[in-house]
Amino acid sequence: MAAASLRPVTASSAARWWRLKYFLEWLVGSVGFVLILPLFALLALLVKTTSPGPVLYLSDRLGRDGRVFRLLKFRSMRVGVAPVLGSDGKVLTLDHDPRCTPIGRFLRLGFDELPQLINVVRGEMCLIGPRPDVPSELERYTARERARLKVLPGITGLTQVVGGRELSNAQNYELDVRYVEQASLWMDGLILVLTLPYSFGATHLGRRVFHHQVGGVL
């Protein structure tokens, strides 16, 4: 019942809720970025000194309403390597990936995403929402899947904590749409709490917690 009371019930209250969510996450993201600047600088130095190439990986991504923005990540792979794609065009993340830099696997515990706090400060992303997709995928979206573009993309999200790396694009998109339809303060809090254990290997904990949201998808 508590979770239901925190969910928007009308169009106008939903719009206010999303604006409040974005403001709070912008505020938390801005303060968080200032607090982690020493860690940010250390990781940037490690990336720069352990492999040739830029510190940051830049990638065009789809934002709210389909607007394209430049996503930031710490570079975790060697320069010039090609992505590995699944049969549906999804970029795959491989275990023990030989394309990784010396600290790439460590960064992929979630530290590579820290520069996206800059995207949050810029208003291009929020903390919790659908993960931003590459622009080339837009033409493949169904009418329902386009609903994931109604909101700002997030650094973490429902698909992240339920093991979206193991799922197809279609499954991830459906979970994103369900998040957009059901998002609440309670859900966001759970996603945020589950992100850390997911990063350290608890890949199926989120599926148990969000069994209702993932029903029929997994």
Protein backbone atom coordinates (compact mmCIF):
# COMPACT_ATOMS: atom_id res chain seq x y z
CA MET A 1 0.00 0.00 0.00
CA ALA A 2 2.86 2.37 0.79
CA ALA A 3 4.30 1.94 -2.67
CA ALA A 4 0.96 2.60 -4.31
CA SER A 5 0.54 5.87 -2.38
CA LEU A 6 3.79 7.16 -3.86
CA ARG A 7 2.74 6.53 -7.46
CA PRO A 8 1.25 9.37 -9.60
CA VAL A 9 -2.49 8.79 -10.20
CA THR A 10 -3.43 11.53 -12.69
CA ALA A 11 -1.72 13.06 -15.71
CA SER A 12 -1.11 16.38 -13.95
CA SER A 13 0.18 14.78 -10.75
CA ALA A 14 2.37 12.46 -12.83
CA ALA A 15 3.90 15.44 -14.64
CA ARG A 16 4.60 17.14 -11.29
CA TRP A 17 6.09 13.93 -9.94
CA TRP A 18 8.49 13.57 -12.87
CA ARG A 19 9.57 17.23 -12.56
CA LEU A 20 10.21 16.71 -8.83
CA LYS A 21 12.09 13.49 -9.55
CA TYR A 22 14.33 15.21 -12.12
CA PHE A 23 15.06 18.12 -9.79
CA LEU A 24 15.92 15.89 -6.83
CA GLU A 25 18.12 13.64 -8.95
CA TRP A 26 19.81 16.66 -10.54
CA LEU A 27 20.51 18.00 -7.04
CA VAL A 28 21.83 14.66 -5.77
CA GLY A 29 23.85 14.16 -8.94
CA SER A 30 25.39 17.63 -8.74
CA VAL A 31 26.38 17.23 -5.08
CA GLY A 32 27.58 13.69 -5.76
CA PHE A 33 29.80 14.82 -8.60
CA VAL A 34 31.51 17.41 -6.40
CA LEU A 35 32.03 14.83 -3.64
CA ILE A 36 33.60 12.22 -5.93
CA LEU A 37 35.93 14.63 -7.75
CA PRO A 38 39.02 13.11 -6.03
CA LEU A 39 37.93 9.60 -7.10
CA PHE A 40 37.07 10.91 -10.56
CA ALA A 41 40.57 12.39 -10.90
CA LEU A 42 42.22 9.16 -9.68
CA LEU A 43 40.28 6.99 -12.13
CA ALA A 44 41.03 9.40 -14.98
CA LEU A 45 44.74 9.16 -14.14
CA LEU A 46 44.59 5.34 -14.07
CA VAL A 47 42.83 5.20 -17.43
CA LYS A 48 45.36 7.56 -18.98
CA THR A 49 48.45 5.81 -17.62
CA THR A 50 47.46 2.17 -18.20
CA SER A 51 46.55 2.30 -21.91
CA PRO A 52 46.99 4.69 -24.85
CA GLY A 53 43.96 6.72 -25.84
CA PRO A 54 41.48 9.23 -24.40
CA VAL A 55 40.28 9.07 -20.80
CA LEU A 56 36.62 9.29 -21.74
CA TYR A 57 34.57 7.23 -24.18
CA LEU A 58 32.01 9.42 -25.96
CA SER A 59 28.90 7.97 -27.56
CA ASP A 60 25.83 9.55 -29.16
CA ARG A 61 22.68 8.34 -27.40
CA LEU A 62 18.93 8.93 -27.49
CA GLY A 63 17.60 11.21 -24.80
CA ARG A 64 14.10 12.31 -23.86
CA ASP A 65 11.82 12.79 -26.87
CA GLY A 66 14.49 11.26 -29.09
CA ARG A 67 16.96 14.14 -28.77
CA VAL A 68 20.53 12.97 -29.28
CA PHE A 69 23.17 13.79 -26.66
CA ARG A 70 26.79 12.80 -26.04
CA LEU A 71 27.05 10.17 -23.28
CA LEU A 72 30.26 10.09 -21.21
CA LYS A 73 32.03 7.03 -19.79
CA PHE A 74 35.50 6.20 -18.58
CA ARG A 75 37.12 4.25 -21.40
CA SER A 76 37.31 0.56 -20.43
CA MET A 77 38.34 -0.91 -23.80
CA ARG A 78 41.37 -0.52 -26.01
CA VAL A 79 41.10 2.08 -28.77
CA GLY A 80 39.96 0.81 -32.16
CA VAL A 81 38.27 -2.44 -31.10
CA ALA A 82 34.91 -3.25 -32.67
CA PRO A 83 31.76 -3.92 -30.61
CA VAL A 84 30.39 -7.45 -30.41
CA LEU A 85 26.75 -7.50 -31.53
CA GLY A 86 24.01 -10.02 -30.81
CA SER A 87 21.60 -11.32 -33.43
CA ASP A 88 19.18 -8.46 -32.66
CA GLY A 89 21.88 -5.80 -32.94
CA LYS A 90 22.40 -5.46 -29.19
CA VAL A 91 25.93 -4.55 -28.10
CA LEU A 92 27.08 -7.43 -25.91
CA THR A 93 29.14 -7.17 -22.73
CA LEU A 94 31.43 -10.19 -22.54
CA ASP A 95 32.86 -11.87 -19.45
CA HIS A 96 36.67 -11.82 -19.47
CA ASP A 97 36.59 -9.55 -22.51
CA PRO A 98 40.07 -9.49 -24.12
CA ARG A 99 39.31 -6.03 -25.52
CA CYS A 100 39.41 -4.50 -22.02
CA THR A 101 42.22 -2.27 -20.84
CA PRO A 102 44.25 -3.36 -17.78
CA ILE A 103 41.74 -1.68 -15.48
CA GLY A 104 38.74 -2.13 -17.76
CA ARG A 105 37.16 -5.01 -15.86
CA PHE A 106 37.45 -3.04 -12.61
CA LEU A 107 35.87 0.01 -14.22
CA ARG A 108 32.98 -2.13 -15.48
CA LEU A 109 31.90 -2.79 -11.91
CA GLY A 110 30.10 0.53 -12.41
CA PHE A 111 32.94 3.02 -12.08
CA ASP A 112 32.97 3.58 -15.85
CA GLU A 113 29.51 5.16 -15.54
CA LEU A 114 30.59 7.88 -13.07
CA PRO A 115 31.21 10.53 -15.79
CA GLN A 116 27.50 10.32 -16.56
CA LEU A 117 26.98 12.47 -13.48
CA ILE A 118 28.12 15.24 -15.82
CA ASN A 119 25.25 14.27 -18.14
CA VAL A 120 22.93 14.53 -15.12
CA VAL A 121 24.24 18.00 -14.25
CA ARG A 122 23.68 19.04 -17.88
CA GLY A 123 20.06 17.85 -17.69
CA GLU A 124 20.58 15.17 -20.34
CA MET A 125 20.12 12.24 -17.95
CA CYS A 126 18.81 11.47 -14.49
CA LEU A 127 19.98 8.92 -11.93
CA ILE A 128 17.24 6.32 -12.47
CA GLY A 129 15.51 5.63 -15.76
CA PRO A 130 15.79 3.63 -19.00
CA ARG A 131 19.37 3.17 -20.13
CA PRO A 132 20.06 5.44 -23.16
CA ASP A 133 20.04 3.65 -26.51
CA VAL A 134 22.08 4.39 -29.65
CA PRO A 135 20.29 6.55 -32.26
CA SER A 136 20.38 3.84 -34.94
CA GLU A 137 17.94 1.74 -32.90
CA LEU A 138 15.18 4.36 -33.05
CA GLU A 139 13.88 3.20 -36.42
CA ARG A 140 13.44 -0.32 -35.03
CA TYR A 141 11.22 0.74 -32.11
CA THR A 142 7.61 -0.33 -32.06
CA ALA A 143 4.98 2.25 -31.10
CA ARG A 144 4.97 0.86 -27.56
CA GLU A 145 8.76 0.88 -27.26
CA ARG A 146 8.90 4.58 -28.16
CA ALA A 147 7.30 5.26 -24.76
CA ARG A 148 10.72 4.72 -23.17
CA LEU A 149 11.74 8.04 -24.75
CA LYS A 150 9.08 9.98 -22.83
CA VAL A 151 11.43 10.31 -19.86
CA LEU A 152 15.08 11.14 -19.27
CA PRO A 153 17.43 8.16 -19.53
CA GLY A 154 19.14 7.05 -16.34
CA ILE A 155 22.58 6.00 -15.12
CA THR A 156 20.88 2.96 -13.62
CA GLY A 157 17.40 1.56 -14.00
CA LEU A 158 15.04 -1.37 -13.78
CA THR A 159 16.62 -3.24 -16.70
CA GLN A 160 20.04 -2.75 -15.14
CA VAL A 161 19.24 -4.40 -11.79
CA VAL A 162 17.28 -7.33 -13.23
CA GLY A 163 20.19 -8.39 -15.42
CA GLY A 164 19.41 -6.64 -18.67
CA ARG A 165 22.77 -7.65 -20.12
CA GLU A 166 21.42 -11.19 -20.36
CA LEU A 167 18.20 -10.13 -22.10
CA SER A 168 17.31 -9.23 -25.67
CA ASN A 169 16.72 -5.66 -26.80
CA ALA A 170 12.96 -6.37 -27.00
CA GLN A 171 12.89 -7.60 -23.39
CA ASN A 172 14.86 -4.60 -22.17
CA TYR A 173 12.60 -2.19 -24.03
CA GLU A 174 9.46 -3.78 -22.54
CA LEU A 175 10.91 -3.46 -19.04
CA ASP A 176 11.77 0.18 -19.75
CA VAL A 177 8.18 0.87 -20.81
CA ARG A 178 6.89 -0.84 -17.66
CA TYR A 179 9.17 1.38 -15.61
CA VAL A 180 7.80 4.49 -17.32
CA GLU A 181 4.26 3.30 -16.63
CA GLN A 182 4.81 2.28 -13.00
CA ALA A 183 7.63 4.49 -11.73
CA SER A 184 7.36 5.61 -8.13
CA LEU A 185 9.59 6.89 -5.36
CA TRP A 186 9.49 3.42 -3.83
CA MET A 187 10.60 1.73 -7.06
CA ASP A 188 13.37 4.27 -7.62
CA GLY A 189 14.66 3.73 -4.08
CA LEU A 190 14.78 -0.03 -4.56
CA ILE A 191 16.57 0.31 -7.91
CA LEU A 192 19.16 2.60 -6.36
CA VAL A 193 19.75 0.22 -3.43
CA LEU A 194 20.03 -2.82 -5.73
CA THR A 195 22.47 -1.22 -8.17
CA LEU A 196 25.54 -1.76 -5.97
CA PRO A 197 24.97 -5.47 -5.21
CA TYR A 198 24.16 -6.03 -8.90
CA SER A 199 27.48 -4.46 -9.89
CA PHE A 200 29.30 -6.89 -7.59
CA GLY A 201 27.62 -10.02 -8.92
CA ALA A 202 24.16 -10.29 -7.34
CA THR A 203 22.63 -10.37 -10.80
CA HIS A 204 19.38 -12.12 -9.93
CA LEU A 205 18.47 -10.32 -6.69
CA GLY A 206 16.65 -7.62 -8.64
CA ARG A 207 14.53 -10.22 -10.43
CA ARG A 208 13.25 -11.50 -7.11
CA VAL A 209 12.52 -8.02 -5.78
CA PHE A 210 10.80 -6.88 -9.01
CA HIS A 211 9.10 -10.18 -9.81
CA HIS A 212 5.81 -8.39 -10.50
CA GLN A 213 7.34 -5.91 -12.98
CA VAL A 214 9.33 -8.58 -14.87
CA GLY A 215 6.52 -11.13 -15.01
CA GLY A 216 5.90 -12.33 -18.54
CA VAL A 217 9.12 -10.74 -19.81
CA LEU A 218 11.82 -13.01 -18.40
